Amino acid sequence: MRSTIGGFVLKNFLLLTLTAALTVGVVWPDAGAAASQCNLQSYGVIAIFIISGLQLKQGEALKALQAAGSVIYGLSSILLLGPLVLAPAILASPLEPSALKLGLAVFACMPTSLSSGIAMTQTAGGNVALAILLTVASNLLAVATLPLLLPRALAGGGAAQQLVGPNSSGTCSMQLDPAALLVQLLAMVLAPTVFGACARAFIPGVAAAVDKNKVVVSCLSSLILAAVPWMQISRAMTAGGASGFSLYVVMVCGACGAALHAFQLAFNTVMCKALGLGGREEKQATPIRKAVVLLTSQKTLPVAVTIIGKLGASMGDAAAGYASMTVVIAHLSQIIVSSSLVSYWMSSRSSQAAGV
């Protein structure tokens, strides 16, 4: 009985910790808000990438560099599917209030998540190097694509005036700071990953210790990953971002976020198979496809919150807070849906290894 419960907990550890993080953040937000004020969220992200680097094998990096088709498709899906297809569809839907639609539409246009996608790829046995490459490249390219595509994506919902200058014909008055984004990516993604990879490669015994304790390392990464949204939701709750939110609206936001993410997962899974990404041999293709599916289906929270914050003056603080809370709930929904998929993959892999 105990072994059965333990096995269930290990297989679903990420999902369980994320669910607990969401619950604690809503019921008792003070602790998470205090941790966020101490900048523990940034340290948590750095720790996640150090762990990713410790588990990064040289063969994975070489395969990622050789998977040109996967990189091209991944970047195209991340940067174009949301602004050209998803956001207009969301804004044309009958969802109310309009701030909810705006929050979801902005979220759909974002580049891939900065931490959770890589951590989940690592847990699922995907190609971590490819996940890191897609994360860094898509977030850097988004600095150029978002100011061009986001106003047009939101135009159908009447929100373009909040983003596009009155005397322009398609140019965006909202500016993203590419230098600041680059520094953030270097400091919080690349540098910790390189540090962990160098420790694995050059410090005797590190690689063997990490490989020997895969379960412990994976659980540690999951705990840190869960702590990040715990602090985000706690901060939003204490800041009054939940003002006007009923349980019904929370459930609607969660359902919409989950449906949006499920569609992206299904679409990108079908496309990966149709395009034959990763090659014909399933054993070699599976890690590549897992990375592509997860990274192309997830959206980053910080950039979405930043953009909605820039709209606050024109849309009002109440609507901006509503939209921000919508984005936070959608982000948590995508993590829970993705973690369920990762748990399924891990369960299937364990069954195959056991010969079931």
Protein backbone atom coordinates (compact mmCIF):
# COMPACT_ATOMS: atom_id res chain seq x y z
CA MET A 1 0.00 0.00 0.00
CA ARG A 2 2.75 2.42 0.99
CA SER A 3 4.76 1.62 -2.15
CA THR A 4 1.67 2.17 -4.30
CA ILE A 5 1.03 5.58 -2.75
CA GLY A 6 4.72 6.46 -3.04
CA GLY A 7 4.76 5.49 -6.70
CA PHE A 8 1.68 7.58 -7.40
CA VAL A 9 3.21 10.59 -5.64
CA LEU A 10 6.49 10.29 -7.57
CA LYS A 11 4.75 9.92 -10.94
CA ASN A 12 2.51 12.92 -10.26
CA PHE A 13 4.88 14.93 -8.07
CA LEU A 14 4.91 18.04 -10.25
CA LEU A 15 1.12 18.09 -10.64
CA LEU A 16 0.59 17.61 -6.90
CA THR A 17 3.07 20.31 -5.90
CA LEU A 18 1.59 22.80 -8.38
CA THR A 19 -1.93 22.11 -7.15
CA ALA A 20 -0.77 22.61 -3.57
CA ALA A 21 1.03 25.82 -4.55
CA LEU A 22 -2.13 27.23 -6.17
CA THR A 23 -4.27 26.30 -3.17
CA VAL A 24 -1.90 27.78 -0.60
CA GLY A 25 -1.41 30.92 -2.70
CA VAL A 26 -5.15 31.58 -2.77
CA VAL A 27 -6.00 30.57 0.81
CA TRP A 28 -2.93 32.02 2.55
CA PRO A 29 -1.17 34.49 0.24
CA ASP A 30 0.82 36.41 2.86
CA ALA A 31 3.75 33.99 2.98
CA GLY A 32 4.10 33.81 -0.80
CA ALA A 33 3.85 37.58 -1.14
CA ALA A 34 6.58 38.04 1.49
CA ALA A 35 8.81 35.54 -0.32
CA SER A 36 8.22 37.39 -3.59
CA GLN A 37 9.27 40.69 -2.02
CA CYS A 38 12.59 39.06 -1.06
CA ASN A 39 13.20 38.30 -4.77
CA LEU A 40 13.10 34.55 -4.09
CA GLN A 41 11.21 34.10 -7.36
CA SER A 42 14.28 35.13 -9.38
CA TYR A 43 16.54 32.90 -7.32
CA GLY A 44 14.12 30.03 -7.87
CA VAL A 45 14.27 30.45 -11.65
CA ILE A 46 18.08 30.55 -11.51
CA ALA A 47 18.11 27.35 -9.43
CA ILE A 48 15.86 25.61 -11.97
CA PHE A 49 18.33 26.37 -14.77
CA ILE A 50 21.34 25.30 -12.70
CA ILE A 51 19.62 21.95 -12.21
CA SER A 52 18.85 21.81 -15.95
CA GLY A 53 22.53 22.41 -16.67
CA LEU A 54 23.58 19.69 -14.24
CA GLN A 55 21.41 17.22 -16.17
CA LEU A 56 22.41 18.47 -19.62
CA LYS A 57 24.30 15.81 -21.56
CA GLN A 58 26.66 16.63 -24.41
CA GLY A 59 24.78 14.37 -26.83
CA GLU A 60 21.56 16.31 -26.29
CA ALA A 61 23.25 19.60 -27.15
CA LEU A 62 24.59 18.17 -30.41
CA LYS A 63 21.18 16.78 -31.37
CA ALA A 64 19.55 20.13 -30.66
CA LEU A 65 21.97 21.96 -32.95
CA GLN A 66 21.32 19.40 -35.70
CA ALA A 67 17.51 19.58 -35.41
CA ALA A 68 17.10 22.57 -37.73
CA GLY A 69 13.58 21.61 -38.82
CA SER A 70 12.41 21.33 -35.21
CA VAL A 71 13.90 24.72 -34.37
CA ILE A 72 12.28 26.42 -37.39
CA TYR A 73 8.87 24.89 -36.72
CA GLY A 74 9.13 25.58 -32.99
CA LEU A 75 9.91 29.26 -33.43
CA SER A 76 7.23 29.69 -36.11
CA SER A 77 4.56 28.12 -33.92
CA ILE A 78 5.59 30.06 -30.81
CA LEU A 79 5.76 33.47 -32.47
CA LEU A 80 3.03 33.31 -35.15
CA LEU A 81 0.22 30.96 -34.09
CA GLY A 82 -0.94 33.17 -31.22
CA PRO A 83 -1.01 36.58 -32.93
CA LEU A 84 -2.36 35.32 -36.26
CA VAL A 85 -4.88 32.68 -35.13
CA LEU A 86 -5.50 32.33 -31.40
CA ALA A 87 -5.82 35.97 -30.30
CA PRO A 88 -8.35 36.96 -33.03
CA ALA A 89 -10.39 33.83 -32.21
CA ILE A 90 -10.42 34.68 -28.49
CA LEU A 91 -11.47 38.29 -29.13
CA ALA A 92 -14.27 37.12 -31.43
CA SER A 93 -15.66 34.80 -28.75
CA PRO A 94 -18.63 35.73 -26.51
CA LEU A 95 -16.54 35.70 -23.33
CA GLU A 96 -17.23 38.48 -20.85
CA PRO A 97 -16.01 40.79 -19.44
CA SER A 98 -13.81 42.28 -22.14
CA ALA A 99 -10.82 42.44 -19.77
CA LEU A 100 -10.91 38.64 -19.55
CA LYS A 101 -10.75 38.35 -23.34
CA LEU A 102 -7.96 40.92 -23.52
CA GLY A 103 -5.91 39.07 -20.90
CA LEU A 104 -6.28 35.73 -22.68
CA ALA A 105 -5.55 37.28 -26.10
CA VAL A 106 -2.38 38.97 -24.86
CA PHE A 107 -1.30 35.73 -23.16
CA ALA A 108 -1.83 33.74 -26.39
CA CYS A 109 0.58 36.05 -28.23
CA MET A 110 3.47 35.59 -25.80
CA PRO A 111 6.74 33.72 -26.44
CA THR A 112 7.36 30.47 -24.60
CA SER A 113 7.72 30.27 -20.82
CA LEU A 114 11.12 31.07 -19.33
CA SER A 115 11.36 28.22 -16.85
CA SER A 116 8.47 25.75 -16.66
CA GLY A 117 8.83 24.46 -20.23
CA ILE A 118 12.49 23.57 -19.74
CA ALA A 119 11.87 22.03 -16.33
CA MET A 120 9.01 19.90 -17.69
CA THR A 121 11.05 18.86 -20.72
CA GLN A 122 13.76 17.72 -18.35
CA THR A 123 11.28 15.79 -16.18
CA ALA A 124 9.61 14.17 -19.21
CA GLY A 125 12.90 12.95 -20.69
CA GLY A 126 12.83 15.41 -23.59
CA ASN A 127 15.78 17.16 -25.19
CA VAL A 128 16.68 19.87 -22.67
CA ALA A 129 19.20 21.56 -24.96
CA LEU A 130 16.53 22.06 -27.64
CA ALA A 131 14.14 23.39 -25.00
CA ILE A 132 16.72 25.95 -23.87
CA LEU A 133 17.45 26.94 -27.47
CA LEU A 134 13.75 27.50 -28.23
CA THR A 135 13.28 29.44 -24.99
CA VAL A 136 16.15 31.84 -25.55
CA ALA A 137 15.59 32.30 -29.30
CA SER A 138 11.81 32.83 -29.09
CA ASN A 139 12.03 35.35 -26.25
CA LEU A 140 14.73 37.34 -28.06
CA LEU A 141 12.86 37.30 -31.38
CA ALA A 142 9.67 38.33 -29.58
CA VAL A 143 11.30 41.67 -28.85
CA ALA A 144 11.01 42.37 -32.58
CA THR A 145 7.81 40.47 -33.42
CA LEU A 146 5.53 41.48 -30.53
CA PRO A 147 5.49 45.23 -31.23
CA LEU A 148 4.57 44.45 -34.85
CA LEU A 149 2.07 41.62 -34.43
CA LEU A 150 0.36 42.30 -31.11
CA PRO A 151 -1.48 45.51 -32.15
CA ARG A 152 -2.82 43.80 -35.26
CA ALA A 153 -3.83 40.72 -33.27
CA LEU A 154 -5.83 42.83 -30.82
CA ALA A 155 -7.37 45.11 -33.46
CA GLY A 156 -10.42 42.89 -33.84
CA GLY A 157 -11.30 43.46 -30.19
CA GLY A 158 -10.96 47.23 -30.29
CA ALA A 159 -7.82 47.12 -28.17
CA ALA A 160 -5.40 48.28 -30.86
CA GLN A 161 -5.82 51.93 -29.87
CA GLN A 162 -4.24 51.09 -26.52
CA LEU A 163 -1.13 49.79 -28.23
CA VAL A 164 -0.79 51.68 -31.53
CA GLY A 165 -0.04 55.37 -31.79
CA PRO A 166 -2.89 57.54 -33.11
CA ASN A 167 -0.85 58.96 -35.97
CA SER A 168 0.69 55.70 -37.11
CA SER A 169 -0.42 53.13 -39.58
CA GLY A 170 0.51 49.95 -37.87
CA THR A 171 3.56 50.99 -35.89
CA CYS A 172 3.46 50.30 -32.20
CA SER A 173 3.80 52.96 -29.56
CA MET A 174 4.53 50.36 -26.90
CA GLN A 175 8.24 49.59 -26.70
CA LEU A 176 9.85 46.46 -25.28
CA ASP A 177 13.38 46.98 -24.02
CA PRO A 178 15.52 44.46 -25.94
CA ALA A 179 18.63 45.18 -23.88
CA ALA A 180 16.81 44.54 -20.60
CA LEU A 181 15.28 41.33 -21.96
CA LEU A 182 18.66 40.15 -23.21
CA VAL A 183 20.27 40.80 -19.83
CA GLN A 184 17.44 38.92 -18.11
CA LEU A 185 17.83 35.92 -20.40
CA LEU A 186 21.60 35.87 -20.00
CA ALA A 187 21.48 36.21 -16.23
CA MET A 188 18.55 33.92 -15.48
CA VAL A 189 18.66 31.33 -18.27
CA LEU A 190 21.98 30.98 -20.07
CA ALA A 191 24.44 31.71 -17.26
CA PRO A 192 22.90 29.27 -14.72
CA THR A 193 22.56 26.58 -17.39
CA VAL A 194 26.19 26.98 -18.48
CA PHE A 195 27.27 26.96 -14.82
CA GLY A 196 25.45 23.68 -14.20
CA ALA A 197 26.70 22.13 -17.44
CA CYS A 198 30.31 23.11 -16.65
CA ALA A 199 29.99 21.67 -13.15
CA ARG A 200 28.77 18.41 -14.68
CA ALA A 201 31.54 18.33 -17.29
CA PHE A 202 34.56 19.45 -15.27
CA ILE A 203 33.98 18.64 -11.59
CA PRO A 204 34.74 14.96 -10.91
CA GLY A 205 31.84 12.98 -9.53
CA VAL A 206 29.12 15.54 -10.25
CA ALA A 207 27.73 13.81 -13.35
CA ALA A 208 27.67 10.42 -11.63
CA ALA A 209 25.98 11.85 -8.53
CA VAL A 210 23.32 13.66 -10.57
CA ASP A 211 22.57 10.60 -12.71
CA LYS A 212 22.45 8.35 -9.64
CA ASN A 213 19.95 10.62 -7.88
CA LYS A 214 17.70 11.48 -10.82
CA VAL A 215 14.51 11.14 -8.78
CA VAL A 216 15.74 13.44 -6.01
CA VAL A 217 17.00 16.03 -8.49
CA SER A 218 13.75 15.90 -10.46
CA CYS A 219 11.65 16.34 -7.30
CA LEU A 220 13.82 19.26 -6.20
CA SER A 221 13.34 20.93 -9.58
CA SER A 222 9.57 20.37 -9.35
CA LEU A 223 9.42 21.91 -5.86
CA ILE A 224 11.26 25.01 -7.02
CA LEU A 225 9.09 25.24 -10.13
CA ALA A 226 5.94 25.09 -8.01
CA ALA A 227 7.29 27.81 -5.72
CA VAL A 228 7.44 30.32 -8.60
CA PRO A 229 3.68 30.39 -9.41
CA TRP A 230 2.96 30.15 -5.66
CA MET A 231 4.70 33.49 -5.21
CA GLN A 232 3.03 34.93 -8.33
CA ILE A 233 -0.51 34.07 -7.29
CA SER A 234 0.15 35.13 -3.68
CA ARG A 235 1.42 38.52 -4.81
CA ALA A 236 -1.58 39.00 -7.11
CA MET A 237 -4.00 38.12 -4.31
CA THR A 238 -2.47 40.51 -1.77
CA ALA A 239 -2.20 43.33 -4.35
CA GLY A 240 -5.93 43.30 -4.93
CA GLY A 241 -5.67 41.77 -8.39
CA ALA A 242 -8.52 39.44 -7.46
CA SER A 243 -10.93 42.31 -6.81
CA GLY A 244 -14.25 41.52 -8.47
CA PHE A 245 -13.28 37.90 -9.04
CA SER A 246 -15.95 35.41 -8.04
CA LEU A 247 -15.42 31.66 -7.88
CA TYR A 248 -17.35 31.38 -11.14
CA VAL A 249 -15.06 33.82 -12.93
CA VAL A 250 -11.98 32.04 -11.57
CA MET A 251 -13.34 28.75 -12.91
CA VAL A 252 -14.10 30.34 -16.30
CA CYS A 253 -10.57 31.77 -16.52
CA GLY A 254 -9.07 28.43 -15.53
CA ALA A 255 -11.20 26.54 -18.04
CA CYS A 256 -10.36 28.98 -20.84
CA GLY A 257 -6.66 28.81 -20.04
CA ALA A 258 -6.75 25.01 -19.94
CA ALA A 259 -8.70 24.81 -23.21
CA LEU A 260 -6.29 27.20 -24.92
CA HIS A 261 -3.30 25.17 -23.79
CA ALA A 262 -4.91 21.82 -24.64
CA PHE A 263 -5.59 23.04 -28.19
CA GLN A 264 -1.95 24.11 -28.57
CA LEU A 265 -0.70 20.77 -27.25
CA ALA A 266 -2.94 18.82 -29.63
CA PHE A 267 -2.12 21.02 -32.63
CA ASN A 268 1.63 20.89 -32.09
CA THR A 269 1.59 17.15 -31.41
CA VAL A 270 -0.17 16.52 -34.72
CA MET A 271 2.21 18.86 -36.57
CA CYS A 272 5.31 17.23 -35.07
CA LYS A 273 4.17 13.83 -36.30
CA ALA A 274 2.99 15.12 -39.67
CA LEU A 275 6.30 16.89 -40.33
CA GLY A 276 8.36 13.98 -39.01
CA LEU A 277 10.33 16.19 -36.63
CA GLY A 278 13.23 14.44 -34.97
CA GLY A 279 13.57 11.78 -37.65
CA ARG A 280 11.88 8.51 -38.46
CA GLU A 281 13.34 6.47 -35.62
CA GLU A 282 10.94 6.86 -32.70
CA LYS A 283 13.58 6.44 -30.01
CA GLN A 284 15.54 9.42 -31.33
CA ALA A 285 12.52 11.49 -32.35
CA THR A 286 10.60 11.25 -29.07
CA PRO A 287 12.89 13.50 -26.95
CA ILE A 288 12.93 16.11 -29.73
CA ARG A 289 9.15 16.04 -30.15
CA LYS A 290 8.52 16.24 -26.40
CA ALA A 291 10.62 19.40 -26.23
CA VAL A 292 8.91 20.96 -29.26
CA VAL A 293 5.37 20.13 -28.08
CA LEU A 294 5.92 21.51 -24.58
CA LEU A 295 7.79 24.65 -25.61
CA THR A 296 5.46 25.59 -28.49
CA SER A 297 2.38 25.18 -26.28
CA GLN A 298 3.43 27.22 -23.24
CA LYS A 299 3.39 31.00 -22.84
CA THR A 300 5.43 33.21 -20.55
CA LEU A 301 3.76 35.11 -17.72
CA PRO A 302 6.18 38.02 -16.96
CA VAL A 303 6.04 39.57 -20.45
CA ALA A 304 2.23 39.30 -20.54
CA VAL A 305 1.89 41.00 -17.16
CA THR A 306 4.34 43.72 -18.27
CA ILE A 307 2.34 44.48 -21.42
CA ILE A 308 -0.98 44.56 -19.55
CA GLY A 309 0.64 46.87 -17.01
CA LYS A 310 1.56 49.26 -19.83
CA LEU A 311 -2.12 49.33 -20.81
CA GLY A 312 -3.22 50.23 -17.29
CA ALA A 313 -3.35 53.99 -17.90
CA SER A 314 -5.72 53.62 -20.86
CA MET A 315 -7.88 50.71 -19.71
CA GLY A 316 -8.08 51.59 -15.99
CA ASP A 317 -6.49 49.96 -12.97
CA ALA A 318 -9.50 47.74 -12.26
CA ALA A 319 -9.59 46.31 -15.80
CA ALA A 320 -5.80 45.95 -15.83
CA GLY A 321 -5.91 44.07 -12.52
CA TYR A 322 -8.69 41.86 -13.89
CA ALA A 323 -6.70 41.11 -17.05
CA SER A 324 -3.54 40.44 -15.02
CA MET A 325 -5.33 38.00 -12.75
CA THR A 326 -6.78 36.30 -15.84
CA VAL A 327 -3.27 35.85 -17.21
CA VAL A 328 -1.99 34.43 -13.91
CA ILE A 329 -4.82 31.88 -13.76
CA ALA A 330 -4.32 30.94 -17.43
CA HIS A 331 -0.61 30.47 -16.76
CA LEU A 332 -1.30 28.21 -13.80
CA SER A 333 -3.84 26.26 -15.86
CA GLN A 334 -1.29 25.62 -18.60
CA ILE A 335 1.24 24.39 -16.04
CA ILE A 336 -1.28 21.98 -14.53
CA VAL A 337 -2.35 20.66 -17.96
CA SER A 338 1.29 20.29 -19.07
CA SER A 339 2.28 18.59 -15.84
CA SER A 340 -0.58 16.11 -16.33
CA LEU A 341 0.79 15.32 -19.80
CA VAL A 342 4.31 14.96 -18.39
CA SER A 343 2.99 12.60 -15.70
CA TYR A 344 1.31 10.53 -18.42
CA TRP A 345 4.54 10.39 -20.43
CA MET A 346 6.50 9.33 -17.35
CA SER A 347 3.94 6.65 -16.52
CA SER A 348 4.06 5.32 -20.08
CA ARG A 349 7.86 5.32 -20.04
CA SER A 350 7.92 3.44 -16.72
CA SER A 351 5.47 0.87 -18.05
CA GLN A 352 7.54 0.33 -21.20
CA ALA A 353 10.73 0.00 -19.14
CA ALA A 354 9.02 -2.61 -16.96
CA GLY A 355 7.83 -4.48 -20.02
CA VAL A 356 4.15 -3.84 -19.32
